Amino acid sequence: MKTTSLDTKTCDYCSGTGYFQLLLGGSETCTCCEGSGKKQEKF
């Protein structure tokens, strides 16, 4: 069985949306990607 992965470079924490849905309502900007939804490359 071969596993293939799409190289989309989306943020792992917010799944590319750029924000989190809060339990009590509302949303909060993802601090990992700063709301861009893209994975930040750190060198």
PDB file of N, CA and C in Angstrom:
ATOM      1  N   MET A   1       0.841  -1.186   0.000  1.00  0.00           N
ATOM      2  CA  MET A   1       0.000   0.000   0.000  1.00  0.00           C
ATOM      3  C   MET A   1       0.882   1.244   0.000  1.00  0.00           C
ATOM      4  N   LYS A   2       0.675   2.080  -0.976  1.00  0.00           N
ATOM      5  CA  LYS A   2       1.484   3.287  -1.084  1.00  0.00           C
ATOM      6  C   LYS A   2       0.699   4.487  -0.560  1.00  0.00           C
ATOM      7  N   THR A   3       1.349   5.253   0.296  1.00  0.00           N
ATOM      8  CA  THR A   3       0.705   6.437   0.851  1.00  0.00           C
ATOM      9  C   THR A   3       1.238   7.670   0.149  1.00  0.00           C
ATOM     10  N   THR A   4       0.343   8.457  -0.377  1.00  0.00           N
ATOM     11  CA  THR A   4       0.756   9.699  -1.020  1.00  0.00           C
ATOM     12  C   THR A   4       0.221  10.869  -0.219  1.00  0.00           C
ATOM     13  N   SER A   5       0.988  11.937  -0.172  1.00  0.00           N
ATOM     14  CA  SER A   5       0.544  13.118   0.552  1.00  0.00           C
ATOM     15  C   SER A   5       0.605  14.322  -0.371  1.00  0.00           C
ATOM     16  N   LEU A   6      -0.395  15.156  -0.254  1.00  0.00           N
ATOM     17  CA  LEU A   6      -0.427  16.364  -1.060  1.00  0.00           C
ATOM     18  C   LEU A   6       0.430  17.428  -0.394  1.00  0.00           C
ATOM     19  N   ASP A   7       1.279  18.054  -1.164  1.00  0.00           N
ATOM     20  CA  ASP A   7       2.168  19.072  -0.624  1.00  0.00           C
ATOM     21  C   ASP A   7       1.501  20.440  -0.766  1.00  0.00           C
ATOM     22  N   THR A   8       0.542  20.693   0.101  1.00  0.00           N
ATOM     23  CA  THR A   8      -0.228  21.930  -0.008  1.00  0.00           C
ATOM     24  C   THR A   8       0.341  23.047   0.848  1.00  0.00           C
ATOM     25  N   LYS A   9       1.234  22.701   1.769  1.00  0.00           N
ATOM     26  CA  LYS A   9       1.854  23.675   2.663  1.00  0.00           C
ATOM     27  C   LYS A   9       0.842  24.446   3.510  1.00  0.00           C
ATOM     28  N   THR A  10      -0.236  23.777   3.914  1.00  0.00           N
ATOM     29  CA  THR A  10      -1.198  24.428   4.799  1.00  0.00           C
ATOM     30  C   THR A  10      -0.760  24.265   6.240  1.00  0.00           C
ATOM     31  N   CYS A  11      -1.201  25.174   7.060  1.00  0.00           N
ATOM     32  CA  CYS A  11      -0.865  25.155   8.480  1.00  0.00           C
ATOM     33  C   CYS A  11      -1.443  23.904   9.141  1.00  0.00           C
ATOM     34  N   ASP A  12      -0.630  23.224   9.945  1.00  0.00           N
ATOM     35  CA  ASP A  12      -1.062  21.992  10.605  1.00  0.00           C
ATOM     36  C   ASP A  12      -2.035  22.256  11.758  1.00  0.00           C
ATOM     37  N   TYR A  13      -1.962  23.428  12.355  1.00  0.00           N
ATOM     38  CA  TYR A  13      -2.774  23.711  13.534  1.00  0.00           C
ATOM     39  C   TYR A  13      -4.200  24.125  13.197  1.00  0.00           C
ATOM     40  N   CYS A  14      -4.364  24.957  12.159  1.00  0.00           N
ATOM     41  CA  CYS A  14      -5.716  25.442  11.823  1.00  0.00           C
ATOM     42  C   CYS A  14      -6.252  24.800  10.548  1.00  0.00           C
ATOM     43  N   SER A  15      -5.526  23.860   9.975  1.00  0.00           N
ATOM     44  CA  SER A  15      -5.925  23.156   8.746  1.00  0.00           C
ATOM     45  C   SER A  15      -6.123  24.092   7.559  1.00  0.00           C
ATOM     46  N   GLY A  16      -5.377  25.176   7.541  1.00  0.00           N
ATOM     47  CA  GLY A  16      -5.414  26.085   6.402  1.00  0.00           C
ATOM     48  C   GLY A  16      -6.488  27.153   6.451  1.00  0.00           C
ATOM     49  N   THR A  17      -7.270  27.184   7.525  1.00  0.00           N
ATOM     50  CA  THR A  17      -8.335  28.189   7.595  1.00  0.00           C
ATOM     51  C   THR A  17      -7.840  29.536   8.101  1.00  0.00           C
ATOM     52  N   GLY A  18      -6.764  29.537   8.892  1.00  0.00           N
ATOM     53  CA  GLY A  18      -6.218  30.788   9.418  1.00  0.00           C
ATOM     54  C   GLY A  18      -6.804  31.199  10.759  1.00  0.00           C
ATOM     55  N   TYR A  19      -7.772  30.432  11.252  1.00  0.00           N
ATOM     56  CA  TYR A  19      -8.381  30.765  12.536  1.00  0.00           C
ATOM     57  C   TYR A  19      -8.932  29.513  13.210  1.00  0.00           C
ATOM     58  N   PHE A  20      -9.221  29.636  14.499  1.00  0.00           N
ATOM     59  CA  PHE A  20      -9.836  28.569  15.278  1.00  0.00           C
ATOM     60  C   PHE A  20     -11.244  28.993  15.658  1.00  0.00           C
ATOM     61  N   GLN A  21     -12.203  28.067  15.614  1.00  0.00           N
ATOM     62  CA  GLN A  21     -13.541  28.325  16.143  1.00  0.00           C
ATOM     63  C   GLN A  21     -13.493  28.077  17.649  1.00  0.00           C
ATOM     64  N   LEU A  22     -13.926  29.046  18.428  1.00  0.00           N
ATOM     65  CA  LEU A  22     -13.929  28.909  19.872  1.00  0.00           C
ATOM     66  C   LEU A  22     -15.201  28.209  20.336  1.00  0.00           C
ATOM     67  N   LEU A  23     -15.102  27.497  21.453  1.00  0.00           N
ATOM     68  CA  LEU A  23     -16.231  26.717  21.959  1.00  0.00           C
ATOM     69  C   LEU A  23     -17.414  27.592  22.366  1.00  0.00           C
ATOM     70  N   LEU A  24     -17.139  28.768  22.894  1.00  0.00           N
ATOM     71  CA  LEU A  24     -18.211  29.639  23.365  1.00  0.00           C
ATOM     72  C   LEU A  24     -18.686  30.612  22.294  1.00  0.00           C
ATOM     73  N   GLY A  25     -18.260  30.400  21.075  1.00  0.00           N
ATOM     74  CA  GLY A  25     -18.660  31.285  19.981  1.00  0.00           C
ATOM     75  C   GLY A  25     -17.533  32.207  19.574  1.00  0.00           C
ATOM     76  N   GLY A  26     -17.555  32.630  18.341  1.00  0.00           N
ATOM     77  CA  GLY A  26     -16.511  33.511  17.839  1.00  0.00           C
ATOM     78  C   GLY A  26     -15.347  32.733  17.275  1.00  0.00           C
ATOM     79  N   SER A  27     -14.323  33.455  16.912  1.00  0.00           N
ATOM     80  CA  SER A  27     -13.134  32.822  16.353  1.00  0.00           C
ATOM     81  C   SER A  27     -11.893  33.572  16.798  1.00  0.00           C
ATOM     82  N   GLU A  28     -10.763  32.906  16.686  1.00  0.00           N
ATOM     83  CA  GLU A  28      -9.489  33.494  17.079  1.00  0.00           C
ATOM     84  C   GLU A  28      -8.475  33.207  15.989  1.00  0.00           C
ATOM     85  N   THR A  29      -7.684  34.207  15.648  1.00  0.00           N
ATOM     86  CA  THR A  29      -6.668  34.049  14.615  1.00  0.00           C
ATOM     87  C   THR A  29      -5.625  33.024  15.051  1.00  0.00           C
ATOM     88  N   CYS A  30      -5.238  32.155  14.144  1.00  0.00           N
ATOM     89  CA  CYS A  30      -4.217  31.148  14.428  1.00  0.00           C
ATOM     90  C   CYS A  30      -2.882  31.837  14.666  1.00  0.00           C
ATOM     91  N   THR A  31      -2.270  31.561  15.816  1.00  0.00           N
ATOM     92  CA  THR A  31      -1.009  32.209  16.154  1.00  0.00           C
ATOM     93  C   THR A  31       0.177  31.573  15.444  1.00  0.00           C
ATOM     94  N   CYS A  32       0.002  30.362  14.946  1.00  0.00           N
ATOM     95  CA  CYS A  32       1.098  29.678  14.265  1.00  0.00           C
ATOM     96  C   CYS A  32       1.342  30.263  12.873  1.00  0.00           C
ATOM     97  N   CYS A  33       0.276  30.471  12.108  1.00  0.00           N
ATOM     98  CA  CYS A  33       0.424  30.985  10.741  1.00  0.00           C
ATOM     99  C   CYS A  33       0.018  32.455  10.640  1.00  0.00           C
ATOM    100  N   GLU A  34      -0.362  33.058  11.766  1.00  0.00           N
ATOM    101  CA  GLU A  34      -0.773  34.464  11.834  1.00  0.00           C
ATOM    102  C   GLU A  34      -1.939  34.775  10.909  1.00  0.00           C
ATOM    103  N   GLY A  35      -2.844  33.821  10.755  1.00  0.00           N
ATOM    104  CA  GLY A  35      -4.054  34.037   9.981  1.00  0.00           C
ATOM    105  C   GLY A  35      -3.934  33.808   8.488  1.00  0.00           C
ATOM    106  N   SER A  36      -2.746  33.439   8.019  1.00  0.00           N
ATOM    107  CA  SER A  36      -2.564  33.259   6.574  1.00  0.00           C
ATOM    108  C   SER A  36      -3.063  31.895   6.104  1.00  0.00           C
ATOM    109  N   GLY A  37      -3.068  30.904   7.001  1.00  0.00           N
ATOM    110  CA  GLY A  37      -3.485  29.559   6.631  1.00  0.00           C
ATOM    111  C   GLY A  37      -2.385  28.747   5.985  1.00  0.00           C
ATOM    112  N   LYS A  38      -1.227  29.350   5.800  1.00  0.00           N
ATOM    113  CA  LYS A  38      -0.105  28.659   5.174  1.00  0.00           C
ATOM    114  C   LYS A  38       0.967  28.360   6.210  1.00  0.00           C
ATOM    115  N   LYS A  39       1.638  27.237   6.010  1.00  0.00           N
ATOM    116  CA  LYS A  39       2.683  26.812   6.935  1.00  0.00           C
ATOM    117  C   LYS A  39       3.864  27.776   6.871  1.00  0.00           C
ATOM    118  N   GLN A  40       4.294  28.232   8.035  1.00  0.00           N
ATOM    119  CA  GLN A  40       5.441  29.125   8.104  1.00  0.00           C
ATOM    120  C   GLN A  40       6.712  28.285   8.078  1.00  0.00           C
ATOM    121  N   GLU A  41       7.574  28.556   7.127  1.00  0.00           N
ATOM    122  CA  GLU A  41       8.851  27.847   7.039  1.00  0.00           C
ATOM    123  C   GLU A  41       9.855  28.545   7.946  1.00  0.00           C
ATOM    124  N   LYS A  42      10.330  27.830   8.963  1.00  0.00           N
ATOM    125  CA  LYS A  42      11.300  28.404   9.892  1.00  0.00           C
ATOM    126  C   LYS A  42      12.653  27.764   9.644  1.00  0.00           C
ATOM    127  N   PHE A  43      13.645  28.587   9.463  1.00  0.00           N
ATOM    128  CA  PHE A  43      14.993  28.082   9.190  1.00  0.00           C
ATOM    129  C   PHE A  43      15.913  28.384  10.341  1.00  0.00           C
TER     130      PHE A  43
END
